[in-house]
């Protein structure tokens, strides 16, 4: 055997370069637009109308209020 026959090809890849090649979408690309958020809010309201009366008359927790406020904030902040 000659030296050339015993050589092994080594392929070294830089992890940072691999990360640069993988396209990671910006947060804004994943955010729903205003129409989608309004549709979600409308669906939420329609669902609430289908609940039994005893459930609709129960107390609202702070967490319930916070979720609705988060949705309204997202709608106001969203791009058209």
C-alpha atoms as a PDB file:
ATOM      1  CA  UNK A   1       0.000   0.000   0.000  1.00  0.00           C
ATOM      2  CA  UNK A   2       1.100   3.453  -0.700  1.00  0.00           C
ATOM      3  CA  UNK A   3       0.507   6.387   1.575  1.00  0.00           C
ATOM      4  CA  UNK A   4      -2.257   7.684  -0.727  1.00  0.00           C
ATOM      5  CA  UNK A   5      -4.291   4.472  -0.366  1.00  0.00           C
ATOM      6  CA  UNK A   6      -4.307   4.665   3.420  1.00  0.00           C
ATOM      7  CA  UNK A   7      -5.407   8.266   3.705  1.00  0.00           C
ATOM      8  CA  UNK A   8      -8.838   8.983   5.121  1.00  0.00           C
ATOM      9  CA  UNK A   9     -10.816  11.978   4.020  1.00  0.00           C
ATOM     10  CA  UNK A  10     -11.963  14.050   6.968  1.00  0.00           C
ATOM     11  CA  UNK A  11     -14.861  16.441   6.520  1.00  0.00           C
ATOM     12  CA  UNK A  12     -15.021  19.082   9.242  1.00  0.00           C
ATOM     13  CA  UNK A  13     -18.179  21.129   9.422  1.00  0.00           C
ATOM     14  CA  UNK A  14     -18.531  24.312  11.392  1.00  0.00           C
ATOM     15  CA  UNK A  15     -21.676  24.241  13.526  1.00  0.00           C
ATOM     16  CA  UNK A  16     -22.017  28.022  13.370  1.00  0.00           C
ATOM     17  CA  UNK A  17     -22.060  27.918   9.577  1.00  0.00           C
ATOM     18  CA  UNK A  18     -24.687  25.171   9.655  1.00  0.00           C
ATOM     19  CA  UNK A  19     -26.862  27.337  11.866  1.00  0.00           C
ATOM     20  CA  UNK A  20     -26.497  30.241   9.430  1.00  0.00           C
ATOM     21  CA  UNK A  21     -27.606  28.028   6.558  1.00  0.00           C
ATOM     22  CA  UNK A  22     -30.742  26.872   8.354  1.00  0.00           C
ATOM     23  CA  UNK A  23     -33.407  29.485   7.851  1.00  0.00           C
ATOM     24  CA  UNK A  24     -35.032  30.336  11.136  1.00  0.00           C
ATOM     25  CA  UNK A  25     -38.088  32.482  10.492  1.00  0.00           C
ATOM     26  CA  UNK A  26     -38.326  35.772  12.306  1.00  0.00           C
ATOM     27  CA  UNK A  27     -40.851  36.051  15.077  1.00  0.00           C
ATOM     28  CA  UNK A  28     -42.874  38.420  12.925  1.00  0.00           C
ATOM     29  CA  UNK A  29     -43.253  35.764  10.218  1.00  0.00           C
ATOM     30  CA  UNK A  30     -44.949  33.440  12.714  1.00  0.00           C
ATOM     31  CA  UNK A  31     -47.256  36.020  14.248  1.00  0.00           C
ATOM     32  CA  UNK A  32     -50.873  35.945  13.132  1.00  0.00           C
ATOM     33  CA  UNK A  33     -52.188  39.055  11.418  1.00  0.00           C
ATOM     34  CA  UNK A  34     -55.016  41.225  12.727  1.00  0.00           C
ATOM     35  CA  UNK A  35     -57.701  39.426  10.705  1.00  0.00           C
ATOM     36  CA  UNK A  36     -56.675  36.042  12.078  1.00  0.00           C
ATOM     37  CA  UNK A  37     -56.678  37.369  15.634  1.00  0.00           C
ATOM     38  CA  UNK A  38     -60.101  38.961  15.201  1.00  0.00           C
ATOM     39  CA  UNK A  39     -61.413  35.688  13.785  1.00  0.00           C
ATOM     40  CA  UNK A  40     -60.012  33.877  16.818  1.00  0.00           C
ATOM     41  CA  UNK A  41     -61.724  36.357  19.142  1.00  0.00           C
ATOM     42  CA  UNK A  42     -65.014  35.922  17.248  1.00  0.00           C
ATOM     43  CA  UNK A  43     -64.744  32.136  17.526  1.00  0.00           C
ATOM     44  CA  UNK A  44     -64.071  32.492  21.241  1.00  0.00           C
ATOM     45  CA  UNK A  45     -67.189  34.638  21.675  1.00  0.00           C
ATOM     46  CA  UNK A  46     -69.338  32.204  19.649  1.00  0.00           C
ATOM     47  CA  UNK A  47     -68.070  29.318  21.758  1.00  0.00           C
ATOM     48  CA  UNK A  48     -68.995  31.204  24.939  1.00  0.00           C
ATOM     49  CA  UNK A  49     -72.560  31.587  23.685  1.00  0.00           C
ATOM     50  CA  UNK A  50     -72.910  27.806  23.406  1.00  0.00           C
ATOM     51  CA  UNK A  51     -72.015  27.165  27.045  1.00  0.00           C
ATOM     52  CA  UNK A  52     -74.782  26.205  29.484  1.00  0.00           C
ATOM     53  CA  UNK A  53     -76.291  29.111  31.479  1.00  0.00           C
ATOM     54  CA  UNK A  54     -74.803  27.985  34.794  1.00  0.00           C
ATOM     55  CA  UNK A  55     -71.326  28.074  33.259  1.00  0.00           C
ATOM     56  CA  UNK A  56     -71.872  31.470  31.637  1.00  0.00           C
ATOM     57  CA  UNK A  57     -72.965  32.908  34.988  1.00  0.00           C
ATOM     58  CA  UNK A  58     -69.955  31.593  36.908  1.00  0.00           C
ATOM     59  CA  UNK A  59     -67.148  33.818  38.135  1.00  0.00           C
ATOM     60  CA  UNK A  60     -64.335  34.895  35.860  1.00  0.00           C
ATOM     61  CA  UNK A  61     -60.850  34.329  37.203  1.00  0.00           C
ATOM     62  CA  UNK A  62     -58.012  36.750  36.793  1.00  0.00           C
ATOM     63  CA  UNK A  63     -56.386  34.247  34.440  1.00  0.00           C
ATOM     64  CA  UNK A  64     -59.482  34.330  32.195  1.00  0.00           C
ATOM     65  CA  UNK A  65     -59.346  38.108  32.150  1.00  0.00           C
ATOM     66  CA  UNK A  66     -55.621  38.094  31.462  1.00  0.00           C
ATOM     67  CA  UNK A  67     -56.043  35.773  28.459  1.00  0.00           C
ATOM     68  CA  UNK A  68     -58.694  38.032  26.934  1.00  0.00           C
ATOM     69  CA  UNK A  69     -56.618  41.139  27.574  1.00  0.00           C
ATOM     70  CA  UNK A  70     -53.593  39.450  25.956  1.00  0.00           C
ATOM     71  CA  UNK A  71     -55.697  38.687  22.889  1.00  0.00           C
ATOM     72  CA  UNK A  72     -57.025  42.251  22.664  1.00  0.00           C
ATOM     73  CA  UNK A  73     -53.502  43.616  23.082  1.00  0.00           C
ATOM     74  CA  UNK A  74     -52.232  41.329  20.305  1.00  0.00           C
ATOM     75  CA  UNK A  75     -55.046  42.490  18.005  1.00  0.00           C
ATOM     76  CA  UNK A  76     -54.262  46.147  18.610  1.00  0.00           C
ATOM     77  CA  UNK A  77     -50.544  45.569  18.156  1.00  0.00           C
ATOM     78  CA  UNK A  78     -50.839  43.340  15.057  1.00  0.00           C
ATOM     79  CA  UNK A  79     -50.130  44.529  11.586  1.00  0.00           C
ATOM     80  CA  UNK A  80     -52.973  44.420   9.081  1.00  0.00           C
END
